[in-house]
Protein backbone atom coordinates (compact mmCIF):
# COMPACT_ATOMS: atom_id res chain seq x y z
CA MET A 1 -0.36 0.14 0.18
CA THR A 2 1.44 3.20 -0.77
CA THR A 3 0.63 6.54 0.64
CA ASN A 4 -0.07 9.93 -1.34
CA HIS A 5 2.51 12.32 0.66
CA SER A 6 2.15 14.71 -2.31
CA ARG A 7 -1.13 15.94 -1.39
CA LYS A 8 -0.86 19.48 0.58
CA GLN A 9 -2.46 19.37 3.50
CA TYR A 10 -5.56 21.42 4.21
CA GLN A 11 -4.80 24.93 6.29
CA PRO A 12 -7.97 26.77 7.11
CA GLU A 13 -7.39 30.30 7.47
CA ASP A 14 -8.68 30.85 10.66
CA GLU A 15 -7.08 28.27 13.13
CA SER A 16 -9.19 29.70 16.43
CA ASN A 17 -12.47 27.69 15.43
CA VAL A 18 -10.54 24.65 14.16
CA THR A 19 -11.96 21.38 16.74
CA LYS A 20 -11.10 18.92 14.39
CA GLU A 21 -8.77 16.85 13.56
CA ARG A 22 -7.74 14.74 10.53
CA VAL A 23 -5.84 11.87 11.16
CA CYS A 24 -5.16 8.44 9.78
CA LEU A 25 -5.81 5.00 11.41
CA THR A 26 -4.53 1.33 10.03
CA ILE A 27 -7.57 -1.05 9.90
CA ASP A 28 -8.23 -4.65 8.94
CA LYS A 29 -9.72 -4.84 4.83
CA GLU A 30 -13.01 -6.78 5.72
CA LEU A 31 -13.47 -5.22 8.85
CA TYR A 32 -13.94 -1.57 6.82
CA LYS A 33 -15.48 -3.49 4.00
CA GLN A 34 -17.97 -4.65 6.38
CA PHE A 35 -17.88 -0.93 8.29
CA ARG A 36 -18.14 0.92 5.42
CA GLN A 37 -21.68 -1.43 4.25
CA VAL A 38 -23.40 -0.32 7.79
CA SER A 39 -22.51 2.60 8.25
CA ASP A 40 -24.10 3.26 3.85
CA LYS A 41 -26.68 0.96 5.10
CA TYR A 42 -28.38 3.36 8.54
CA MET A 43 -26.82 5.88 6.64
CA GLN A 44 -24.39 7.11 8.24
CA PRO A 45 -21.23 9.14 7.83
CA LYS A 46 -18.41 7.29 8.91
CA SER A 47 -16.08 9.76 10.85
CA ALA A 48 -18.52 10.10 13.70
CA ILE A 49 -19.22 6.48 14.28
CA VAL A 50 -15.52 6.62 14.42
CA GLU A 51 -15.75 9.47 16.93
CA ASN A 52 -18.44 8.89 18.98
CA ALA A 53 -16.04 5.04 19.30
CA ILE A 54 -13.96 6.40 20.75
CA HIS A 55 -15.54 9.24 22.77
CA ARG A 56 -16.68 6.01 24.51
CA TYR A 57 -13.74 4.55 24.47
CA VAL A 58 -11.76 7.43 26.60
CA GLN A 59 -14.19 8.63 28.93
CA SER A 60 -14.75 3.82 30.09
CA LYS A 61 -10.87 4.09 30.97
CA ILE A 62 -10.91 8.04 32.38
CA TRP A 63 -14.29 7.10 34.21
CA GLU A 64 -12.05 3.05 35.65
CA THR A 65 -9.60 6.16 37.01
CA ASP A 66 -11.73 7.61 38.82
CA ILE A 67 -13.36 5.02 40.77
CA LEU A 68 -10.06 3.43 41.17
């Protein structure tokens, strides 16, 4: 697999309003295929699903450390 490093990174004009960051993740090919099919079926943006899953994961870890 090759990466296209020739693309210019997006630079917003006003960085004070930027609340999100573009990231690159590696995921199993078959899992991504299933993920794409499910997100298309329920018409949900993939980025929102991933962001919510990460948020739940982080909150669960924060909750665990608060109890201990």
